[in-house]
Amino acid sequence: MKKNNNVVHLPGNLSPLRNPIFSVVKNIERSYQRRKSDKDLHMGVSWLNEMTGGHKQHGFILVPGDPLLMRATVFKASMEADNIPVALFSQKDRESIVLEMISLETGIHAMDLKEGRLRLDDWPVLTFAAGRLIDLPVFIEKPGDIMEACARARLLAENSGIKALFIDDPTFFYPGIDFPDDPEVAGSFKELSRELKMPIFAGFSG
């Protein structure tokens, strides 16, 4: 990303899940062919319906839990809230996150998926899970810093109509700062939430 005169130039590859899911499944199939050869997560996400259904259009909400739990919440929320478009900001790449979600949906260990250690009866489960995920309007981004994160959030709100933003580990944007107790950190996210008129959910451990 280049910064000139405070202008943020974003790459033009903001895309949802179809391409990374196809790529992940294709890689799984390749690994499976070379070899020849638990987890279930249930969460209530009614709060997302409430936040995006007009009861409260913005706010900065801290969600306790590790980054994996936060990422899983994003996908469950989109599924259970009538496919509401949402964005996930993470320092993990899209394909790794998609692999995690397929693992959670199928109960097949992520390493087994990655290395193609599958039984024949795993494939229908894998296909069903990919089908559930493939059309979800979840936009996964990997911003380098807080300025880029804000710019991408604005772009996604304008061009893709996202209704909520999730950040699985905000400490990356503020190294050395005691998150979430620092008021400056919370203030910046609250300001962005008000500007975009959408809730921002930030995960934190501890």
N, C-alpha and C. Protein backbone atom coordinates (compact mmCIF):
# COMPACT_ATOMS: atom_id res chain seq x y z
N MET A 1 0.84 -1.18 0.00
CA MET A 1 0.00 0.00 0.00
C MET A 1 0.88 1.24 0.00
N LYS A 2 0.57 2.22 -0.82
CA LYS A 2 1.34 3.45 -0.92
C LYS A 2 0.56 4.59 -0.28
N LYS A 3 1.27 5.46 0.42
CA LYS A 3 0.63 6.60 1.04
C LYS A 3 1.30 7.86 0.50
N ASN A 4 0.55 8.72 -0.13
CA ASN A 4 1.06 9.97 -0.64
C ASN A 4 0.08 11.06 -0.27
N ASN A 5 0.60 12.11 0.42
CA ASN A 5 -0.26 13.24 0.78
C ASN A 5 -1.51 12.78 1.52
N ASN A 6 -1.33 11.81 2.42
CA ASN A 6 -2.44 11.30 3.23
C ASN A 6 -3.54 10.63 2.43
N VAL A 7 -3.25 10.25 1.18
CA VAL A 7 -4.23 9.52 0.37
C VAL A 7 -3.88 8.04 0.45
N VAL A 8 -4.85 7.22 0.79
CA VAL A 8 -4.63 5.78 0.89
C VAL A 8 -5.08 5.13 -0.40
N HIS A 9 -4.16 4.44 -1.08
CA HIS A 9 -4.47 3.74 -2.32
C HIS A 9 -4.68 2.27 -2.01
N LEU A 10 -5.89 1.81 -2.18
CA LEU A 10 -6.22 0.43 -1.84
C LEU A 10 -6.14 -0.47 -3.06
N PRO A 11 -5.76 -1.73 -2.86
CA PRO A 11 -5.80 -2.67 -3.98
C PRO A 11 -7.24 -2.94 -4.38
N GLY A 12 -7.44 -3.29 -5.64
CA GLY A 12 -8.79 -3.49 -6.15
C GLY A 12 -9.28 -4.91 -6.03
N ASN A 13 -8.85 -5.64 -4.99
CA ASN A 13 -9.20 -7.06 -4.91
C ASN A 13 -10.09 -7.36 -3.71
N LEU A 14 -10.96 -6.40 -3.33
CA LEU A 14 -11.89 -6.66 -2.25
C LEU A 14 -12.95 -7.62 -2.74
N SER A 15 -12.90 -8.85 -2.31
CA SER A 15 -13.80 -9.86 -2.85
C SER A 15 -14.30 -10.75 -1.74
N PRO A 16 -15.51 -11.32 -1.90
CA PRO A 16 -16.01 -12.23 -0.87
C PRO A 16 -15.40 -13.62 -0.96
N LEU A 17 -16.15 -14.65 -0.63
CA LEU A 17 -15.55 -15.94 -0.32
C LEU A 17 -15.43 -16.91 -1.47
N ARG A 18 -16.08 -16.65 -2.59
CA ARG A 18 -16.14 -17.66 -3.64
C ARG A 18 -14.75 -18.12 -4.08
N ASN A 19 -13.85 -17.21 -4.42
CA ASN A 19 -12.53 -17.60 -4.91
C ASN A 19 -11.70 -18.36 -3.87
N PRO A 20 -11.60 -17.85 -2.62
CA PRO A 20 -10.79 -18.64 -1.67
C PRO A 20 -11.38 -19.99 -1.34
N ILE A 21 -12.71 -20.13 -1.33
CA ILE A 21 -13.31 -21.44 -1.06
C ILE A 21 -12.99 -22.41 -2.19
N PHE A 22 -13.17 -21.99 -3.43
CA PHE A 22 -12.82 -22.85 -4.55
C PHE A 22 -11.35 -23.27 -4.46
N SER A 23 -10.48 -22.31 -4.12
CA SER A 23 -9.05 -22.60 -4.06
C SER A 23 -8.75 -23.59 -2.95
N VAL A 24 -9.36 -23.39 -1.76
CA VAL A 24 -9.12 -24.30 -0.64
C VAL A 24 -9.58 -25.71 -0.97
N VAL A 25 -10.81 -25.84 -1.50
CA VAL A 25 -11.34 -27.17 -1.83
C VAL A 25 -10.48 -27.83 -2.90
N LYS A 26 -10.01 -27.06 -3.86
CA LYS A 26 -9.15 -27.61 -4.91
C LYS A 26 -7.84 -28.12 -4.31
N ASN A 27 -7.27 -27.36 -3.36
CA ASN A 27 -6.03 -27.80 -2.73
C ASN A 27 -6.25 -29.06 -1.88
N ILE A 28 -7.40 -29.13 -1.20
CA ILE A 28 -7.73 -30.33 -0.43
C ILE A 28 -7.81 -31.53 -1.36
N GLU A 29 -8.48 -31.33 -2.50
CA GLU A 29 -8.64 -32.44 -3.45
C GLU A 29 -7.28 -32.90 -3.98
N ARG A 30 -6.39 -31.94 -4.27
CA ARG A 30 -5.05 -32.30 -4.75
C ARG A 30 -4.32 -33.14 -3.71
N SER A 31 -4.37 -32.68 -2.44
CA SER A 31 -3.69 -33.43 -1.38
C SER A 31 -4.29 -34.82 -1.21
N TYR A 32 -5.61 -34.90 -1.32
CA TYR A 32 -6.30 -36.20 -1.19
C TYR A 32 -5.86 -37.15 -2.30
N GLN A 33 -5.80 -36.63 -3.52
CA GLN A 33 -5.41 -37.47 -4.65
C GLN A 33 -3.97 -37.94 -4.51
N ARG A 34 -3.10 -37.08 -3.97
CA ARG A 34 -1.71 -37.49 -3.77
C ARG A 34 -1.62 -38.62 -2.76
N ARG A 35 -2.42 -38.57 -1.75
CA ARG A 35 -2.36 -39.58 -0.71
C ARG A 35 -3.10 -40.84 -1.09
N LYS A 36 -4.09 -40.69 -1.97
CA LYS A 36 -4.94 -41.83 -2.36
C LYS A 36 -5.58 -42.41 -1.10
N SER A 37 -5.68 -41.99 -0.68
CA SER A 37 -6.28 -42.65 0.42
C SER A 37 -7.79 -42.88 0.44
N ASP A 38 -12.71 -30.87 17.20
CA ASP A 38 -13.92 -31.53 16.79
C ASP A 38 -14.96 -30.98 17.70
N LYS A 39 -14.94 -30.77 16.40
CA LYS A 39 -15.29 -29.62 17.20
C LYS A 39 -16.49 -28.99 16.56
N ASP A 40 -17.55 -28.77 17.35
CA ASP A 40 -18.73 -28.13 16.78
C ASP A 40 -19.01 -26.86 17.58
N LEU A 41 -19.40 -25.82 16.84
CA LEU A 41 -19.54 -24.54 17.50
C LEU A 41 -20.97 -24.04 17.32
N HIS A 42 -21.66 -23.76 18.41
CA HIS A 42 -23.02 -23.22 18.34
C HIS A 42 -23.03 -21.92 19.13
N MET A 43 -23.47 -20.86 18.50
CA MET A 43 -23.51 -19.58 19.17
C MET A 43 -24.81 -18.88 18.88
N GLY A 44 -25.29 -18.17 19.84
CA GLY A 44 -26.44 -17.31 19.60
C GLY A 44 -25.95 -15.98 19.06
N VAL A 45 -26.53 -15.52 17.96
CA VAL A 45 -26.08 -14.27 17.37
C VAL A 45 -27.26 -13.32 17.21
N SER A 46 -28.23 -13.43 18.10
CA SER A 46 -29.39 -12.54 18.01
C SER A 46 -28.97 -11.09 18.17
N TRP A 47 -27.84 -10.87 18.90
CA TRP A 47 -27.37 -9.50 19.09
C TRP A 47 -27.02 -8.84 17.76
N LEU A 48 -26.56 -9.62 16.77
CA LEU A 48 -26.24 -9.01 15.48
C LEU A 48 -27.52 -8.59 14.78
N ASN A 49 -28.54 -9.43 14.84
CA ASN A 49 -29.83 -9.03 14.28
C ASN A 49 -30.32 -7.74 14.90
N GLU A 50 -30.17 -7.64 16.23
CA GLU A 50 -30.63 -6.44 16.92
C GLU A 50 -29.82 -5.21 16.52
N MET A 51 -28.50 -5.41 16.41
CA MET A 51 -27.64 -4.27 16.09
C MET A 51 -27.86 -3.78 14.67
N THR A 52 -28.14 -4.70 13.73
CA THR A 52 -28.25 -4.30 12.32
C THR A 52 -29.69 -4.15 11.88
N GLY A 53 -30.64 -4.38 12.77
CA GLY A 53 -32.05 -4.30 12.40
C GLY A 53 -32.72 -3.01 12.78
N GLY A 54 -31.92 -1.99 13.08
CA GLY A 54 -32.50 -0.69 13.35
C GLY A 54 -32.65 -0.36 14.82
N HIS A 55 -32.44 -1.34 15.72
CA HIS A 55 -32.57 -1.05 17.14
C HIS A 55 -31.42 -0.16 17.60
N LYS A 56 -30.24 -0.42 17.07
CA LYS A 56 -29.07 0.39 17.38
C LYS A 56 -28.13 0.26 16.20
N GLN A 57 -27.90 1.34 15.50
CA GLN A 57 -27.21 1.24 14.21
C GLN A 57 -25.70 1.29 14.34
N HIS A 58 -25.18 1.70 15.48
CA HIS A 58 -23.72 1.75 15.59
C HIS A 58 -23.33 1.51 17.03
N GLY A 59 -22.03 1.32 17.22
CA GLY A 59 -21.49 1.06 18.54
C GLY A 59 -20.21 0.26 18.44
N PHE A 60 -19.38 0.37 19.47
CA PHE A 60 -18.13 -0.39 19.54
C PHE A 60 -18.30 -1.41 20.63
N ILE A 61 -18.30 -2.71 20.26
CA ILE A 61 -18.62 -3.78 21.19
C ILE A 61 -17.42 -4.70 21.34
N LEU A 62 -16.95 -4.89 22.57
CA LEU A 62 -15.85 -5.81 22.85
C LEU A 62 -16.41 -7.20 23.09
N VAL A 63 -15.83 -8.19 22.42
CA VAL A 63 -16.28 -9.57 22.53
C VAL A 63 -15.14 -10.41 23.09
N PRO A 64 -15.25 -10.92 24.33
CA PRO A 64 -14.16 -11.73 24.88
C PRO A 64 -14.02 -13.06 24.17
N GLY A 65 -12.78 -13.50 24.01
CA GLY A 65 -12.52 -14.78 23.36
C GLY A 65 -11.31 -14.68 22.47
N ASP A 66 -10.78 -15.84 22.08
CA ASP A 66 -9.59 -15.81 21.23
C ASP A 66 -9.97 -15.49 19.78
N PRO A 67 -9.00 -15.17 18.92
CA PRO A 67 -9.31 -14.79 17.54
C PRO A 67 -10.09 -15.84 16.76
N LEU A 68 -9.83 -17.13 16.99
CA LEU A 68 -10.57 -18.17 16.28
C LEU A 68 -12.05 -18.10 16.62
N LEU A 69 -12.37 -17.90 17.89
CA LEU A 69 -13.76 -17.78 18.30
C LEU A 69 -14.41 -16.58 17.62
N MET A 70 -13.68 -15.49 17.52
CA MET A 70 -14.21 -14.29 16.87
C MET A 70 -14.47 -14.55 15.40
N ARG A 71 -13.55 -15.23 14.73
CA ARG A 71 -13.74 -15.51 13.30
C ARG A 71 -14.94 -16.42 13.09
N ALA A 72 -15.09 -17.41 13.97
CA ALA A 72 -16.24 -18.30 13.85
C ALA A 72 -17.54 -17.54 14.07
N THR A 73 -17.53 -16.57 14.98
CA THR A 73 -18.72 -15.76 15.24
C THR A 73 -19.17 -15.03 13.99
N VAL A 74 -18.21 -14.53 13.23
CA VAL A 74 -18.53 -13.79 12.00
C VAL A 74 -19.35 -14.65 11.05
N PHE A 75 -18.89 -15.86 10.81
CA PHE A 75 -19.56 -16.73 9.85
C PHE A 75 -20.91 -17.19 10.37
N LYS A 76 -20.98 -17.55 11.65
CA LYS A 76 -22.25 -17.94 12.24
C LYS A 76 -23.24 -16.78 12.19
N ALA A 77 -22.74 -15.58 12.46
CA ALA A 77 -23.61 -14.41 12.46
C ALA A 77 -24.21 -14.18 11.09
N SER A 78 -23.39 -14.25 10.05
CA SER A 78 -23.89 -14.04 8.69
C SER A 78 -24.89 -15.11 8.31
N MET A 79 -24.62 -16.37 8.69
CA MET A 79 -25.54 -17.46 8.37
C MET A 79 -26.90 -17.27 9.04
N GLU A 80 -26.85 -16.91 10.33
CA GLU A 80 -28.07 -16.92 11.13
C GLU A 80 -28.80 -15.58 11.11
N ALA A 81 -28.22 -14.58 10.50
CA ALA A 81 -28.84 -13.26 10.44
C ALA A 81 -29.23 -12.91 9.01
N ASP A 82 -29.80 -13.90 8.31
CA ASP A 82 -30.31 -13.68 6.95
C ASP A 82 -29.24 -13.17 5.99
N ASN A 83 -28.05 -13.76 6.09
CA ASN A 83 -26.95 -13.41 5.18
C ASN A 83 -26.64 -11.91 5.15
N ILE A 84 -26.59 -11.31 6.32
CA ILE A 84 -26.21 -9.90 6.41
C ILE A 84 -24.76 -9.75 5.94
N PRO A 85 -24.49 -8.80 5.04
CA PRO A 85 -23.09 -8.58 4.61
C PRO A 85 -22.25 -8.04 5.77
N VAL A 86 -21.14 -8.69 6.03
CA VAL A 86 -20.26 -8.27 7.11
C VAL A 86 -18.81 -8.34 6.63
N ALA A 87 -17.95 -7.64 7.34
CA ALA A 87 -16.52 -7.67 7.02
C ALA A 87 -15.75 -8.22 8.22
N LEU A 88 -14.69 -8.94 7.93
CA LEU A 88 -13.78 -9.46 8.96
C LEU A 88 -12.39 -8.94 8.65
N PHE A 89 -11.80 -8.23 9.59
CA PHE A 89 -10.41 -7.79 9.48
C PHE A 89 -9.56 -8.70 10.35
N SER A 90 -8.57 -9.32 9.72
CA SER A 90 -7.73 -10.30 10.41
C SER A 90 -6.33 -10.26 9.81
N GLN A 91 -5.36 -10.66 10.60
CA GLN A 91 -4.01 -10.79 10.08
C GLN A 91 -3.74 -12.16 9.48
N LYS A 92 -4.74 -13.04 9.52
CA LYS A 92 -4.64 -14.33 8.83
C LYS A 92 -5.11 -14.15 7.39
N ASP A 93 -4.57 -14.94 6.48
CA ASP A 93 -4.99 -14.84 5.09
C ASP A 93 -6.35 -15.52 4.90
N ARG A 94 -7.02 -15.16 3.80
CA ARG A 94 -8.39 -15.63 3.56
C ARG A 94 -8.49 -17.15 3.49
N GLU A 95 -7.56 -17.78 2.80
CA GLU A 95 -7.66 -19.23 2.62
C GLU A 95 -7.50 -19.96 3.95
N SER A 96 -6.63 -19.47 4.83
CA SER A 96 -6.46 -20.10 6.14
C SER A 96 -7.74 -19.98 6.96
N ILE A 97 -8.39 -18.83 6.88
CA ILE A 97 -9.64 -18.63 7.62
C ILE A 97 -10.74 -19.53 7.05
N VAL A 98 -10.84 -19.60 5.73
CA VAL A 98 -11.85 -20.47 5.12
C VAL A 98 -11.61 -21.92 5.52
N LEU A 99 -10.35 -22.34 5.55
CA LEU A 99 -10.03 -23.71 5.96
C LEU A 99 -10.50 -23.96 7.40
N GLU A 100 -10.26 -22.99 8.28
CA GLU A 100 -10.74 -23.10 9.66
C GLU A 100 -12.25 -23.29 9.71
N MET A 101 -12.97 -22.48 8.91
CA MET A 101 -14.43 -22.52 8.96
C MET A 101 -14.97 -23.84 8.39
N ILE A 102 -14.33 -24.34 7.34
CA ILE A 102 -14.74 -25.64 6.81
C ILE A 102 -14.49 -26.72 7.85
N SER A 103 -13.38 -26.62 8.57
CA SER A 103 -13.08 -27.59 9.63
C SER A 103 -14.15 -27.56 10.71
N LEU A 104 -14.55 -26.34 11.13
CA LEU A 104 -15.58 -26.22 12.16
C LEU A 104 -16.93 -26.75 11.68
N GLU A 105 -17.25 -26.49 10.41
CA GLU A 105 -18.53 -26.94 9.86
C GLU A 105 -18.58 -28.45 9.70
N THR A 106 -17.47 -29.06 9.36
CA THR A 106 -17.46 -30.49 9.06
C THR A 106 -17.06 -31.36 10.25
N GLY A 107 -16.33 -30.76 11.22
CA GLY A 107 -15.78 -31.55 12.30
C GLY A 107 -14.52 -32.30 11.89
N ILE A 108 -14.00 -32.03 10.69
CA ILE A 108 -12.76 -32.64 10.21
C ILE A 108 -11.60 -31.74 10.61
N HIS A 109 -10.57 -32.31 11.19
CA HIS A 109 -9.43 -31.51 11.65
C HIS A 109 -8.83 -30.74 10.48
N ALA A 110 -8.47 -29.47 10.74
CA ALA A 110 -7.94 -28.61 9.68
C ALA A 110 -6.70 -29.19 9.03
N MET A 111 -5.82 -29.82 9.83
CA MET A 111 -4.61 -30.40 9.26
C MET A 111 -4.94 -31.57 8.34
N ASP A 112 -5.97 -32.35 8.71
CA ASP A 112 -6.39 -33.44 7.83
C ASP A 112 -6.93 -32.90 6.51
N LEU A 113 -7.68 -31.80 6.59
CA LEU A 113 -8.17 -31.17 5.36
C LEU A 113 -7.00 -30.67 4.51
N LYS A 114 -6.07 -29.98 5.16
CA LYS A 114 -4.95 -29.40 4.43
C LYS A 114 -4.10 -30.46 3.75
N GLU A 115 -3.92 -31.60 4.41
CA GLU A 115 -3.06 -32.65 3.88
C GLU A 115 -3.83 -33.72 3.11
N GLY A 116 -5.15 -33.55 2.98
CA GLY A 116 -5.93 -34.48 2.18
C GLY A 116 -6.17 -35.82 2.83
N ARG A 117 -6.10 -35.89 4.17
CA ARG A 117 -6.36 -37.16 4.87
C ARG A 117 -7.87 -37.31 5.06
N LEU A 118 -8.55 -37.71 4.02
CA LEU A 118 -10.00 -37.79 4.05
C LEU A 118 -10.48 -39.19 3.68
N ARG A 119 -11.59 -39.59 4.29
CA ARG A 119 -12.27 -40.81 3.88
C ARG A 119 -13.26 -40.48 2.78
N LEU A 120 -13.71 -41.48 2.08
CA LEU A 120 -14.68 -41.24 1.01
C LEU A 120 -15.94 -40.60 1.54
N ASP A 121 -16.37 -41.00 2.75
CA ASP A 121 -17.62 -40.44 3.27
C ASP A 121 -17.43 -39.04 3.86
N ASP A 122 -16.18 -38.51 3.86
CA ASP A 122 -15.97 -37.12 4.25
C ASP A 122 -16.37 -36.15 3.14
N TRP A 123 -16.33 -36.60 1.89
CA TRP A 123 -16.53 -35.68 0.78
C TRP A 123 -17.93 -35.07 0.72
N PRO A 124 -19.00 -35.84 0.96
CA PRO A 124 -20.33 -35.19 0.97
C PRO A 124 -20.44 -34.13 2.06
N VAL A 125 -19.83 -34.40 3.23
CA VAL A 125 -19.86 -33.42 4.33
C VAL A 125 -19.08 -32.18 3.93
N LEU A 126 -17.93 -32.38 3.31
CA LEU A 126 -17.10 -31.27 2.86
C LEU A 126 -17.82 -30.43 1.82
N THR A 127 -18.47 -31.09 0.87
CA THR A 127 -19.21 -30.38 -0.18
C THR A 127 -20.36 -29.57 0.41
N PHE A 128 -21.06 -30.17 1.37
CA PHE A 128 -22.19 -29.48 2.00
C PHE A 128 -21.69 -28.24 2.74
N ALA A 129 -20.59 -28.39 3.48
CA ALA A 129 -20.04 -27.25 4.24
C ALA A 129 -19.60 -26.13 3.31
N ALA A 130 -18.92 -26.49 2.23
CA ALA A 130 -18.48 -25.47 1.27
C ALA A 130 -19.69 -24.77 0.67
N GLY A 131 -20.76 -25.53 0.40
CA GLY A 131 -21.97 -24.93 -0.16
C GLY A 131 -22.61 -23.95 0.79
N ARG A 132 -22.56 -24.23 2.10
CA ARG A 132 -23.13 -23.31 3.08
C ARG A 132 -22.33 -22.01 3.17
N LEU A 133 -21.03 -22.13 2.96
CA LEU A 133 -20.17 -20.96 3.13
C LEU A 133 -20.01 -20.12 1.87
N ILE A 134 -20.15 -20.74 0.72
CA ILE A 134 -19.66 -20.13 -0.51
C ILE A 134 -20.38 -18.84 -0.88
N ASP A 135 -21.65 -18.73 -0.56
CA ASP A 135 -22.39 -17.53 -0.95
C ASP A 135 -22.59 -16.55 0.20
N LEU A 136 -21.95 -16.81 1.33
CA LEU A 136 -22.06 -15.86 2.44
C LEU A 136 -21.40 -14.54 2.08
N PRO A 137 -22.04 -13.43 2.34
CA PRO A 137 -21.44 -12.12 2.02
C PRO A 137 -20.48 -11.68 3.13
N VAL A 138 -19.43 -12.47 3.31
CA VAL A 138 -18.40 -12.17 4.31
C VAL A 138 -17.15 -11.71 3.55
N PHE A 139 -16.71 -10.50 3.83
CA PHE A 139 -15.54 -9.94 3.16
C PHE A 139 -14.35 -9.98 4.12
N ILE A 140 -13.32 -10.72 3.74
CA ILE A 140 -12.15 -10.90 4.61
C ILE A 140 -11.03 -9.99 4.12
N GLU A 141 -10.53 -9.14 5.00
CA GLU A 141 -9.47 -8.21 4.65
C GLU A 141 -8.33 -8.31 5.65
N LYS A 142 -7.15 -7.91 5.20
CA LYS A 142 -5.94 -7.97 6.02
C LYS A 142 -5.24 -6.61 6.00
N PRO A 143 -5.80 -5.63 6.70
CA PRO A 143 -5.20 -4.29 6.69
C PRO A 143 -3.85 -4.27 7.38
N GLY A 144 -2.98 -3.41 6.88
CA GLY A 144 -1.64 -3.33 7.47
C GLY A 144 -1.57 -2.45 8.70
N ASP A 145 -2.43 -1.43 8.77
CA ASP A 145 -2.42 -0.53 9.92
C ASP A 145 -3.82 0.05 10.09
N ILE A 146 -3.99 0.89 11.11
CA ILE A 146 -5.32 1.40 11.42
C ILE A 146 -5.83 2.34 10.33
N MET A 147 -4.93 3.10 9.70
CA MET A 147 -5.36 3.99 8.63
C MET A 147 -5.92 3.20 7.45
N GLU A 148 -5.22 2.13 7.07
CA GLU A 148 -5.69 1.29 5.99
C GLU A 148 -6.97 0.58 6.38
N ALA A 149 -7.09 0.16 7.63
CA ALA A 149 -8.30 -0.51 8.10
C ALA A 149 -9.51 0.41 7.95
N CYS A 150 -9.37 1.66 8.36
CA CYS A 150 -10.48 2.61 8.25
C CYS A 150 -10.84 2.85 6.80
N ALA A 151 -9.83 2.97 5.94
CA ALA A 151 -10.09 3.21 4.52
C ALA A 151 -10.82 2.02 3.89
N ARG A 152 -10.41 0.82 4.23
CA ARG A 152 -11.05 -0.37 3.67
C ARG A 152 -12.48 -0.51 4.19
N ALA A 153 -12.68 -0.19 5.46
CA ALA A 153 -14.03 -0.26 6.02
C ALA A 153 -14.95 0.71 5.29
N ARG A 154 -14.48 1.92 5.02
CA ARG A 154 -15.31 2.89 4.29
C ARG A 154 -15.62 2.38 2.88
N LEU A 155 -14.62 1.79 2.24
CA LEU A 155 -14.80 1.29 0.87
C LEU A 155 -15.81 0.14 0.84
N LEU A 156 -15.71 -0.76 1.80
CA LEU A 156 -16.63 -1.89 1.87
C LEU A 156 -18.05 -1.43 2.19
N ALA A 157 -18.17 -0.44 3.06
CA ALA A 157 -19.49 0.09 3.38
C ALA A 157 -20.14 0.72 2.16
N GLU A 158 -19.35 1.44 1.39
CA GLU A 158 -19.89 2.14 0.22
C GLU A 158 -20.17 1.19 -0.94
N ASN A 159 -19.25 0.26 -1.20
CA ASN A 159 -19.35 -0.57 -2.41
C ASN A 159 -20.02 -1.91 -2.18
N SER A 160 -19.97 -2.43 -0.96
CA SER A 160 -20.49 -3.78 -0.72
C SER A 160 -21.62 -3.82 0.30
N GLY A 161 -21.95 -2.68 0.88
CA GLY A 161 -23.10 -2.60 1.77
C GLY A 161 -22.97 -3.38 3.06
N ILE A 162 -21.74 -3.50 3.59
CA ILE A 162 -21.60 -4.25 4.84
C ILE A 162 -22.38 -3.55 5.96
N LYS A 163 -22.90 -4.36 6.88
CA LYS A 163 -23.71 -3.85 7.97
C LYS A 163 -23.02 -3.98 9.32
N ALA A 164 -21.89 -4.65 9.36
CA ALA A 164 -21.15 -4.79 10.61
C ALA A 164 -19.69 -5.11 10.27
N LEU A 165 -18.80 -4.69 11.15
CA LEU A 165 -17.37 -4.94 11.00
C LEU A 165 -16.87 -5.72 12.21
N PHE A 166 -16.13 -6.79 11.96
CA PHE A 166 -15.53 -7.60 13.01
C PHE A 166 -14.01 -7.53 12.89
N ILE A 167 -13.34 -7.38 14.01
CA ILE A 167 -11.88 -7.36 14.05
C ILE A 167 -11.46 -8.45 15.03
N ASP A 168 -10.79 -9.49 14.54
CA ASP A 168 -10.54 -10.64 15.42
C ASP A 168 -9.46 -10.37 16.45
N ASP A 169 -8.53 -9.45 16.15
CA ASP A 169 -7.45 -9.16 17.10
C ASP A 169 -6.97 -7.72 16.89
N PRO A 170 -7.62 -6.75 17.51
CA PRO A 170 -7.29 -5.33 17.27
C PRO A 170 -5.92 -4.93 17.81
N THR A 171 -5.30 -5.76 18.66
CA THR A 171 -4.01 -5.37 19.23
C THR A 171 -2.94 -5.20 18.16
N PHE A 172 -3.15 -5.82 16.99
CA PHE A 172 -2.17 -5.68 15.92
C PHE A 172 -2.04 -4.22 15.49
N PHE A 173 -3.15 -3.49 15.52
CA PHE A 173 -3.12 -2.10 15.08
C PHE A 173 -2.49 -1.17 16.12
N TYR A 174 -2.40 -1.64 17.35
CA TYR A 174 -1.90 -0.78 18.42
C TYR A 174 -0.84 -1.52 19.24
N PRO A 175 0.30 -1.82 18.66
CA PRO A 175 1.34 -2.54 19.41
C PRO A 175 1.83 -1.73 20.60
N GLY A 176 1.96 -2.41 21.72
CA GLY A 176 2.47 -1.75 22.92
C GLY A 176 1.43 -1.02 23.73
N ILE A 177 0.18 -1.00 23.25
CA ILE A 177 -0.89 -0.32 23.98
C ILE A 177 -1.74 -1.36 24.69
N ASP A 178 -2.16 -1.03 25.92
CA ASP A 178 -2.94 -1.96 26.73
C ASP A 178 -4.39 -1.97 26.24
N PHE A 179 -4.64 -2.78 25.21
CA PHE A 179 -6.01 -2.91 24.70
C PHE A 179 -6.73 -3.94 25.56
N PRO A 180 -8.01 -3.77 25.93
CA PRO A 180 -8.93 -2.74 25.46
C PRO A 180 -9.11 -1.56 26.40
N ASP A 181 -8.20 -1.40 27.39
CA ASP A 181 -8.42 -0.37 28.41
C ASP A 181 -8.05 1.04 27.95
N ASP A 182 -7.28 1.15 26.88
CA ASP A 182 -6.84 2.47 26.45
C ASP A 182 -7.99 3.25 25.83
N PRO A 183 -8.33 4.42 26.35
CA PRO A 183 -9.48 5.17 25.83
C PRO A 183 -9.29 5.67 24.41
N GLU A 184 -8.04 5.91 24.01
CA GLU A 184 -7.79 6.38 22.65
C GLU A 184 -8.16 5.32 21.62
N VAL A 185 -7.85 4.06 21.95
CA VAL A 185 -8.18 2.96 21.04
C VAL A 185 -9.68 2.84 20.88
N ALA A 186 -10.39 2.76 22.00
CA ALA A 186 -11.85 2.66 21.95
C ALA A 186 -12.45 3.86 21.23
N GLY A 187 -11.89 5.04 21.48
CA GLY A 187 -12.43 6.25 20.85
C GLY A 187 -12.32 6.22 19.34
N SER A 188 -11.21 5.71 18.81
CA SER A 188 -11.04 5.69 17.35
C SER A 188 -12.05 4.74 16.71
N PHE A 189 -12.30 3.59 17.35
CA PHE A 189 -13.28 2.65 16.80
C PHE A 189 -14.70 3.19 16.94
N LYS A 190 -14.98 3.86 18.05
CA LYS A 190 -16.32 4.45 18.23
C LYS A 190 -16.58 5.52 17.17
N GLU A 191 -15.57 6.31 16.88
CA GLU A 191 -15.72 7.35 15.86
C GLU A 191 -15.99 6.74 14.49
N LEU A 192 -15.26 5.68 14.15
CA LEU A 192 -15.48 5.01 12.86
C LEU A 192 -16.87 4.39 12.82
N SER A 193 -17.30 3.82 13.92
CA SER A 193 -18.64 3.21 13.98
C SER A 193 -19.72 4.25 13.74
N ARG A 194 -19.58 5.41 14.36
CA ARG A 194 -20.58 6.48 14.15
C ARG A 194 -20.56 6.97 12.71
N GLU A 195 -19.36 7.11 12.15
CA GLU A 195 -19.25 7.58 10.77
C GLU A 195 -19.91 6.62 9.79
N LEU A 196 -19.69 5.31 9.98
CA LEU A 196 -20.22 4.32 9.04
C LEU A 196 -21.63 3.86 9.41
N LYS A 197 -22.10 4.28 10.58
CA LYS A 197 -23.44 3.89 11.06
C LYS A 197 -23.59 2.38 11.09
N MET A 198 -22.61 1.72 11.67
CA MET A 198 -22.64 0.27 11.81
C MET A 198 -21.89 -0.14 13.07
N PRO A 199 -22.25 -1.29 13.65
CA PRO A 199 -21.51 -1.76 14.82
C PRO A 199 -20.15 -2.31 14.44
N ILE A 200 -19.19 -2.12 15.32
CA ILE A 200 -17.86 -2.70 15.17
C ILE A 200 -17.61 -3.62 16.36
N PHE A 201 -17.36 -4.90 16.08
CA PHE A 201 -17.11 -5.89 17.11
C PHE A 201 -15.62 -6.20 17.15
N ALA A 202 -15.01 -6.07 18.30
CA ALA A 202 -13.57 -6.32 18.43
C ALA A 202 -13.35 -7.43 19.46
N GLY A 203 -12.61 -8.45 19.05
CA GLY A 203 -12.32 -9.55 19.96
C GLY A 203 -11.11 -9.23 20.84
N PHE A 204 -11.11 -9.77 22.03
CA PHE A 204 -9.93 -9.64 22.88
C PHE A 204 -9.85 -10.83 23.82
N SER A 205 -8.65 -11.23 24.13
CA SER A 205 -8.42 -12.34 25.06
C SER A 205 -8.13 -11.79 26.44
N GLY A 206 -8.62 -12.51 27.45
CA GLY A 206 -8.32 -12.08 28.80
C GLY A 206 -9.55 -11.66 29.55
